[in-house]
């Protein structure tokens, strides 16, 4: 056996594998990567949930507009005690005399729309006679309320706008329709019998983004003056 072979055979063999330092460094890097992935997943999950809630609220707003449009198109003075299709109005609440569906068939009654303190868009109905005005949003003897949009509605002060006869004035100022320059004109409210159309504006927010659904409805059964 040669001297080189004897020297190689006499050397101790090196153990294969990672040192403790290498294992600690690898574990630290793996932990950092895992935390980054979990953080990104959490952000993505919150964003997805927020978008889903906003989309659902927008769809509820669209359905609500369709219901409100139908009620307003059927507004009439058929209900006992109603002298105009619109019974009471403001920028944040509207009471309409209309036809309501029931288990016994269509019947005359009243509908109110409003936004409560929690941002819920509510629809209240009353079929009992005689007429009694609703109280604050969601209250009123003989009124039954249901939620149309659950939370996030921010347009209570500008939920409704009204177009009336051009010559009509109220509260010392002319009635103004919204324009591009003045989307929210001063609340110069006409008398209910002077209204010819109603504008609807439902804005829903998730805290950072807002979507707006609009519509305008002409009153088919408005009383000519």
C-alpha atoms as a PDB file:
ATOM      1  CA  UNK A   1       0.000   0.000   0.000  1.00  0.00           C
ATOM      2  CA  UNK A   2       1.420   3.361  -0.975  1.00  0.00           C
ATOM      3  CA  UNK A   3       2.079   6.152   1.503  1.00  0.00           C
ATOM      4  CA  UNK A   4      -0.687   8.360  -0.035  1.00  0.00           C
ATOM      5  CA  UNK A   5      -3.273   5.603   0.362  1.00  0.00           C
ATOM      6  CA  UNK A   6      -2.217   4.992   3.966  1.00  0.00           C
ATOM      7  CA  UNK A   7      -2.541   8.713   4.805  1.00  0.00           C
ATOM      8  CA  UNK A   8      -6.043   8.908   3.251  1.00  0.00           C
ATOM      9  CA  UNK A   9      -7.165   5.821   5.151  1.00  0.00           C
ATOM     10  CA  UNK A  10      -5.859   7.204   8.437  1.00  0.00           C
ATOM     11  CA  UNK A  11      -7.834  10.505   8.182  1.00  0.00           C
ATOM     12  CA  UNK A  12     -11.087  10.623  10.236  1.00  0.00           C
ATOM     13  CA  UNK A  13     -14.239  10.714   8.014  1.00  0.00           C
ATOM     14  CA  UNK A  14     -16.294  13.943   8.163  1.00  0.00           C
ATOM     15  CA  UNK A  15     -19.914  13.442   9.274  1.00  0.00           C
ATOM     16  CA  UNK A  16     -22.402  14.475   6.567  1.00  0.00           C
ATOM     17  CA  UNK A  17     -25.354  16.918   7.393  1.00  0.00           C
ATOM     18  CA  UNK A  18     -26.086  20.482   8.659  1.00  0.00           C
ATOM     19  CA  UNK A  19     -24.420  22.183  11.548  1.00  0.00           C
ATOM     20  CA  UNK A  20     -26.494  23.700  14.376  1.00  0.00           C
ATOM     21  CA  UNK A  21     -25.859  27.195  13.044  1.00  0.00           C
ATOM     22  CA  UNK A  22     -27.088  26.219   9.582  1.00  0.00           C
ATOM     23  CA  UNK A  23     -30.254  24.711  11.042  1.00  0.00           C
ATOM     24  CA  UNK A  24     -30.986  27.850  13.088  1.00  0.00           C
ATOM     25  CA  UNK A  25     -30.467  30.113  10.068  1.00  0.00           C
ATOM     26  CA  UNK A  26     -32.722  27.928   7.920  1.00  0.00           C
ATOM     27  CA  UNK A  27     -35.461  27.897  10.576  1.00  0.00           C
ATOM     28  CA  UNK A  28     -35.284  31.691  10.929  1.00  0.00           C
ATOM     29  CA  UNK A  29     -35.588  32.222   7.183  1.00  0.00           C
ATOM     30  CA  UNK A  30     -38.479  29.739   6.991  1.00  0.00           C
ATOM     31  CA  UNK A  31     -40.303  31.527   9.833  1.00  0.00           C
ATOM     32  CA  UNK A  32     -39.922  34.905   8.118  1.00  0.00           C
ATOM     33  CA  UNK A  33     -41.261  33.504   4.816  1.00  0.00           C
ATOM     34  CA  UNK A  34     -44.186  31.804   6.600  1.00  0.00           C
ATOM     35  CA  UNK A  35     -45.136  34.991   8.462  1.00  0.00           C
ATOM     36  CA  UNK A  36     -45.002  36.971   5.211  1.00  0.00           C
ATOM     37  CA  UNK A  37     -47.300  34.460   3.492  1.00  0.00           C
ATOM     38  CA  UNK A  38     -49.738  34.477   6.419  1.00  0.00           C
ATOM     39  CA  UNK A  39     -49.753  38.281   6.486  1.00  0.00           C
ATOM     40  CA  UNK A  40     -50.437  38.508   2.761  1.00  0.00           C
ATOM     41  CA  UNK A  41     -53.210  35.915   3.074  1.00  0.00           C
ATOM     42  CA  UNK A  42     -54.799  37.869   5.925  1.00  0.00           C
ATOM     43  CA  UNK A  43     -54.744  41.121   3.933  1.00  0.00           C
ATOM     44  CA  UNK A  44     -56.144  39.359   0.876  1.00  0.00           C
ATOM     45  CA  UNK A  45     -58.881  37.764   2.981  1.00  0.00           C
ATOM     46  CA  UNK A  46     -59.909  41.081   4.537  1.00  0.00           C
ATOM     47  CA  UNK A  47     -59.911  42.790   1.136  1.00  0.00           C
ATOM     48  CA  UNK A  48     -61.981  39.999  -0.398  1.00  0.00           C
ATOM     49  CA  UNK A  49     -64.484  40.067   2.473  1.00  0.00           C
ATOM     50  CA  UNK A  50     -64.797  43.860   2.284  1.00  0.00           C
ATOM     51  CA  UNK A  51     -65.347  43.725  -1.483  1.00  0.00           C
ATOM     52  CA  UNK A  52     -67.928  40.978  -1.035  1.00  0.00           C
ATOM     53  CA  UNK A  53     -69.808  42.975   1.606  1.00  0.00           C
ATOM     54  CA  UNK A  54     -69.757  46.078  -0.561  1.00  0.00           C
ATOM     55  CA  UNK A  55     -70.934  44.145  -3.624  1.00  0.00           C
ATOM     56  CA  UNK A  56     -73.760  42.546  -1.635  1.00  0.00           C
ATOM     57  CA  UNK A  57     -74.798  45.926  -0.232  1.00  0.00           C
ATOM     58  CA  UNK A  58     -74.770  47.432  -3.731  1.00  0.00           C
ATOM     59  CA  UNK A  59     -76.972  44.613  -5.012  1.00  0.00           C
ATOM     60  CA  UNK A  60     -79.373  45.155  -2.097  1.00  0.00           C
ATOM     61  CA  UNK A  61     -79.425  48.868  -2.952  1.00  0.00           C
ATOM     62  CA  UNK A  62     -80.338  48.043  -6.554  1.00  0.00           C
ATOM     63  CA  UNK A  63     -83.135  45.746  -5.429  1.00  0.00           C
ATOM     64  CA  UNK A  64     -84.316  48.430  -3.021  1.00  0.00           C
ATOM     65  CA  UNK A  65     -84.453  50.992  -5.831  1.00  0.00           C
ATOM     66  CA  UNK A  66     -86.595  48.602  -7.873  1.00  0.00           C
ATOM     67  CA  UNK A  67     -89.014  48.142  -4.952  1.00  0.00           C
ATOM     68  CA  UNK A  68     -89.168  51.875  -4.248  1.00  0.00           C
ATOM     69  CA  UNK A  69     -89.664  52.641  -7.931  1.00  0.00           C
ATOM     70  CA  UNK A  70     -92.583  50.203  -8.095  1.00  0.00           C
ATOM     71  CA  UNK A  71     -94.182  51.710  -4.971  1.00  0.00           C
ATOM     72  CA  UNK A  72     -93.849  55.234  -6.328  1.00  0.00           C
ATOM     73  CA  UNK A  73     -95.259  54.308  -9.729  1.00  0.00           C
ATOM     74  CA  UNK A  74     -98.332  52.933  -7.983  1.00  0.00           C
ATOM     75  CA  UNK A  75     -98.648  55.914  -5.635  1.00  0.00           C
ATOM     76  CA  UNK A  76    -102.213  57.220  -5.665  1.00  0.00           C
ATOM     77  CA  UNK A  77    -104.906  58.705  -3.444  1.00  0.00           C
ATOM     78  CA  UNK A  78    -106.853  55.448  -3.197  1.00  0.00           C
ATOM     79  CA  UNK A  79    -105.937  54.924   0.476  1.00  0.00           C
ATOM     80  CA  UNK A  80    -108.458  56.259   2.964  1.00  0.00           C
ATOM     81  CA  UNK A  81    -107.345  59.644   4.168  1.00  0.00           C
ATOM     82  CA  UNK A  82    -104.808  60.241   1.373  1.00  0.00           C
ATOM     83  CA  UNK A  83    -105.356  63.477  -0.524  1.00  0.00           C
ATOM     84  CA  UNK A  84    -102.068  63.296  -2.467  1.00  0.00           C
ATOM     85  CA  UNK A  85     -99.894  60.343  -3.622  1.00  0.00           C
ATOM     86  CA  UNK A  86     -97.050  61.644  -1.442  1.00  0.00           C
ATOM     87  CA  UNK A  87     -98.272  62.016   2.111  1.00  0.00           C
ATOM     88  CA  UNK A  88     -95.188  63.397   3.859  1.00  0.00           C
ATOM     89  CA  UNK A  89     -91.775  64.213   2.469  1.00  0.00           C
ATOM     90  CA  UNK A  90     -88.311  65.354   3.448  1.00  0.00           C
ATOM     91  CA  UNK A  91     -84.804  64.762   2.139  1.00  0.00           C
ATOM     92  CA  UNK A  92     -84.380  61.786   4.504  1.00  0.00           C
ATOM     93  CA  UNK A  93     -87.895  60.299   4.754  1.00  0.00           C
ATOM     94  CA  UNK A  94     -90.811  59.788   2.393  1.00  0.00           C
ATOM     95  CA  UNK A  95     -94.343  58.518   3.043  1.00  0.00           C
ATOM     96  CA  UNK A  96     -96.354  57.306   0.030  1.00  0.00           C
ATOM     97  CA  UNK A  97     -99.971  56.215  -0.371  1.00  0.00           C
ATOM     98  CA  UNK A  98     -99.829  53.124  -2.568  1.00  0.00           C
ATOM     99  CA  UNK A  99    -101.040  49.586  -3.175  1.00  0.00           C
ATOM    100  CA  UNK A 100     -99.583  46.874  -0.933  1.00  0.00           C
ATOM    101  CA  UNK A 101     -99.428  43.148  -1.566  1.00  0.00           C
ATOM    102  CA  UNK A 102    -100.932  40.933   1.122  1.00  0.00           C
ATOM    103  CA  UNK A 103    -102.016  37.331   1.606  1.00  0.00           C
ATOM    104  CA  UNK A 104    -105.574  38.367   0.741  1.00  0.00           C
ATOM    105  CA  UNK A 105    -104.517  40.279  -2.356  1.00  0.00           C
ATOM    106  CA  UNK A 106    -103.584  43.900  -3.125  1.00  0.00           C
ATOM    107  CA  UNK A 107    -104.891  46.491  -0.695  1.00  0.00           C
ATOM    108  CA  UNK A 108    -104.495  50.211  -0.222  1.00  0.00           C
ATOM    109  CA  UNK A 109    -102.044  51.377   2.380  1.00  0.00           C
ATOM    110  CA  UNK A 110     -98.992  53.494   3.072  1.00  0.00           C
ATOM    111  CA  UNK A 111     -95.242  53.005   2.700  1.00  0.00           C
ATOM    112  CA  UNK A 112     -92.417  54.929   4.377  1.00  0.00           C
ATOM    113  CA  UNK A 113     -88.699  54.858   3.539  1.00  0.00           C
ATOM    114  CA  UNK A 114     -85.944  56.110   5.825  1.00  0.00           C
ATOM    115  CA  UNK A 115     -82.407  55.416   7.090  1.00  0.00           C
ATOM    116  CA  UNK A 116     -81.937  54.696  10.804  1.00  0.00           C
ATOM    117  CA  UNK A 117     -79.027  55.644  13.035  1.00  0.00           C
ATOM    118  CA  UNK A 118     -77.159  52.422  12.181  1.00  0.00           C
ATOM    119  CA  UNK A 119     -77.175  53.118   8.446  1.00  0.00           C
ATOM    120  CA  UNK A 120     -79.947  50.633   7.642  1.00  0.00           C
ATOM    121  CA  UNK A 121     -82.374  51.546   4.863  1.00  0.00           C
ATOM    122  CA  UNK A 122     -85.841  50.634   6.132  1.00  0.00           C
ATOM    123  CA  UNK A 123     -89.214  50.213   4.442  1.00  0.00           C
ATOM    124  CA  UNK A 124     -92.276  50.487   6.644  1.00  0.00           C
ATOM    125  CA  UNK A 125     -95.852  49.633   5.720  1.00  0.00           C
ATOM    126  CA  UNK A 126     -99.230  50.374   7.278  1.00  0.00           C
ATOM    127  CA  UNK A 127    -102.615  49.093   6.184  1.00  0.00           C
ATOM    128  CA  UNK A 128    -104.622  50.050   9.261  1.00  0.00           C
ATOM    129  CA  UNK A 129    -106.974  53.007   9.005  1.00  0.00           C
ATOM    130  CA  UNK A 130    -107.151  55.818   9.747  1.00  0.00           C
ATOM    131  CA  UNK A 131    -103.737  57.055   8.693  1.00  0.00           C
ATOM    132  CA  UNK A 132    -101.171  57.724  11.420  1.00  0.00           C
ATOM    133  CA  UNK A 133     -97.803  59.264  10.619  1.00  0.00           C
ATOM    134  CA  UNK A 134     -94.707  57.210  11.450  1.00  0.00           C
ATOM    135  CA  UNK A 135     -92.350  58.438  14.146  1.00  0.00           C
ATOM    136  CA  UNK A 136     -88.580  58.365  13.976  1.00  0.00           C
ATOM    137  CA  UNK A 137     -87.159  55.870  11.493  1.00  0.00           C
ATOM    138  CA  UNK A 138     -88.291  52.371  12.427  1.00  0.00           C
ATOM    139  CA  UNK A 139     -91.043  53.424  14.825  1.00  0.00           C
ATOM    140  CA  UNK A 140     -94.728  54.216  14.624  1.00  0.00           C
ATOM    141  CA  UNK A 141     -97.963  52.703  15.909  1.00  0.00           C
ATOM    142  CA  UNK A 142     -99.461  50.340  13.334  1.00  0.00           C
ATOM    143  CA  UNK A 143     -96.341  50.421  11.156  1.00  0.00           C
ATOM    144  CA  UNK A 144     -94.371  47.295  10.247  1.00  0.00           C
ATOM    145  CA  UNK A 145     -90.723  47.812   9.275  1.00  0.00           C
ATOM    146  CA  UNK A 146     -88.294  45.666   7.310  1.00  0.00           C
ATOM    147  CA  UNK A 147     -84.637  46.213   6.437  1.00  0.00           C
ATOM    148  CA  UNK A 148     -83.864  46.784   2.759  1.00  0.00           C
ATOM    149  CA  UNK A 149     -80.126  47.495   3.035  1.00  0.00           C
ATOM    150  CA  UNK A 150     -78.279  46.386   6.154  1.00  0.00           C
ATOM    151  CA  UNK A 151     -75.823  49.044   7.308  1.00  0.00           C
ATOM    152  CA  UNK A 152     -73.414  51.287   5.462  1.00  0.00           C
ATOM    153  CA  UNK A 153     -76.012  53.635   3.941  1.00  0.00           C
ATOM    154  CA  UNK A 154     -74.607  57.169   4.175  1.00  0.00           C
ATOM    155  CA  UNK A 155     -77.187  59.190   2.258  1.00  0.00           C
ATOM    156  CA  UNK A 156     -79.826  59.840   4.911  1.00  0.00           C
ATOM    157  CA  UNK A 157     -79.681  63.665   4.427  1.00  0.00           C
ATOM    158  CA  UNK A 158     -79.871  63.346   0.609  1.00  0.00           C
ATOM    159  CA  UNK A 159     -81.850  60.155   0.124  1.00  0.00           C
ATOM    160  CA  UNK A 160     -84.635  61.932  -1.779  1.00  0.00           C
ATOM    161  CA  UNK A 161     -84.859  64.887  -4.123  1.00  0.00           C
ATOM    162  CA  UNK A 162     -88.043  66.260  -5.624  1.00  0.00           C
ATOM    163  CA  UNK A 163     -88.960  67.935  -8.889  1.00  0.00           C
ATOM    164  CA  UNK A 164     -92.002  70.153  -8.649  1.00  0.00           C
ATOM    165  CA  UNK A 165     -93.786  72.741 -10.752  1.00  0.00           C
ATOM    166  CA  UNK A 166     -91.254  75.276 -12.019  1.00  0.00           C
ATOM    167  CA  UNK A 167     -93.053  78.242 -10.481  1.00  0.00           C
ATOM    168  CA  UNK A 168     -93.376  76.681  -7.047  1.00  0.00           C
ATOM    169  CA  UNK A 169     -91.497  78.177  -4.082  1.00  0.00           C
ATOM    170  CA  UNK A 170     -91.193  76.883  -0.545  1.00  0.00           C
ATOM    171  CA  UNK A 171     -89.657  78.234   2.637  1.00  0.00           C
ATOM    172  CA  UNK A 172     -88.785  81.464   0.870  1.00  0.00           C
ATOM    173  CA  UNK A 173     -86.639  79.960  -1.893  1.00  0.00           C
ATOM    174  CA  UNK A 174     -87.301  78.377  -5.303  1.00  0.00           C
ATOM    175  CA  UNK A 175     -87.389  74.620  -5.588  1.00  0.00           C
ATOM    176  CA  UNK A 176     -84.167  73.421  -7.241  1.00  0.00           C
ATOM    177  CA  UNK A 177     -83.388  70.139  -8.962  1.00  0.00           C
ATOM    178  CA  UNK A 178     -79.865  68.708  -8.481  1.00  0.00           C
ATOM    179  CA  UNK A 179     -77.300  69.777 -11.076  1.00  0.00           C
ATOM    180  CA  UNK A 180     -73.677  68.861 -11.764  1.00  0.00           C
ATOM    181  CA  UNK A 181     -72.500  72.032 -10.044  1.00  0.00           C
ATOM    182  CA  UNK A 182     -74.987  71.698  -7.180  1.00  0.00           C
ATOM    183  CA  UNK A 183     -75.642  67.981  -6.645  1.00  0.00           C
ATOM    184  CA  UNK A 184     -77.220  68.603  -3.234  1.00  0.00           C
ATOM    185  CA  UNK A 185     -79.200  71.856  -3.398  1.00  0.00           C
ATOM    186  CA  UNK A 186     -80.648  73.489  -0.319  1.00  0.00           C
ATOM    187  CA  UNK A 187     -83.579  71.487   1.072  1.00  0.00           C
ATOM    188  CA  UNK A 188     -86.288  73.697  -0.364  1.00  0.00           C
ATOM    189  CA  UNK A 189     -89.142  71.234  -0.074  1.00  0.00           C
ATOM    190  CA  UNK A 190     -92.286  71.600  -2.165  1.00  0.00           C
ATOM    191  CA  UNK A 191     -95.735  70.732  -0.915  1.00  0.00           C
ATOM    192  CA  UNK A 192     -96.578  67.062  -1.594  1.00  0.00           C
ATOM    193  CA  UNK A 193     -99.245  67.937  -4.153  1.00  0.00           C
ATOM    194  CA  UNK A 194     -96.728  69.909  -6.225  1.00  0.00           C
ATOM    195  CA  UNK A 195     -94.251  67.028  -6.692  1.00  0.00           C
ATOM    196  CA  UNK A 196     -94.089  65.518 -10.159  1.00  0.00           C
ATOM    197  CA  UNK A 197     -91.076  63.208  -9.789  1.00  0.00           C
ATOM    198  CA  UNK A 198     -88.866  61.804  -7.052  1.00  0.00           C
ATOM    199  CA  UNK A 199     -85.096  61.245  -7.245  1.00  0.00           C
ATOM    200  CA  UNK A 200     -83.524  58.389  -5.284  1.00  0.00           C
ATOM    201  CA  UNK A 201     -79.874  58.272  -4.216  1.00  0.00           C
ATOM    202  CA  UNK A 202     -78.603  55.364  -2.124  1.00  0.00           C
ATOM    203  CA  UNK A 203     -74.895  55.496  -1.231  1.00  0.00           C
ATOM    204  CA  UNK A 204     -73.362  52.488   0.535  1.00  0.00           C
ATOM    205  CA  UNK A 205     -69.857  52.433   2.029  1.00  0.00           C
ATOM    206  CA  UNK A 206     -67.550  49.848   3.576  1.00  0.00           C
ATOM    207  CA  UNK A 207     -65.573  52.582   5.324  1.00  0.00           C
ATOM    208  CA  UNK A 208     -63.101  53.257   2.531  1.00  0.00           C
ATOM    209  CA  UNK A 209     -65.108  52.910  -0.681  1.00  0.00           C
ATOM    210  CA  UNK A 210     -68.576  54.115  -1.593  1.00  0.00           C
ATOM    211  CA  UNK A 211     -70.923  52.974  -4.339  1.00  0.00           C
ATOM    212  CA  UNK A 212     -73.978  55.010  -5.325  1.00  0.00           C
ATOM    213  CA  UNK A 213     -77.230  53.808  -6.898  1.00  0.00           C
ATOM    214  CA  UNK A 214     -79.532  56.446  -8.399  1.00  0.00           C
ATOM    215  CA  UNK A 215     -82.967  56.515  -9.982  1.00  0.00           C
ATOM    216  CA  UNK A 216     -85.700  58.999 -10.831  1.00  0.00           C
ATOM    217  CA  UNK A 217     -89.409  58.172 -10.825  1.00  0.00           C
ATOM    218  CA  UNK A 218     -92.233  60.179 -12.369  1.00  0.00           C
ATOM    219  CA  UNK A 219     -95.472  60.005 -10.424  1.00  0.00           C
ATOM    220  CA  UNK A 220     -98.047  58.466 -12.735  1.00  0.00           C
ATOM    221  CA  UNK A 221    -100.969  59.461 -10.544  1.00  0.00           C
ATOM    222  CA  UNK A 222     -99.846  62.952  -9.522  1.00  0.00           C
ATOM    223  CA  UNK A 223    -102.741  65.354  -9.158  1.00  0.00           C
ATOM    224  CA  UNK A 224    -102.744  68.111 -11.771  1.00  0.00           C
ATOM    225  CA  UNK A 225    -102.931  71.577 -10.237  1.00  0.00           C
END
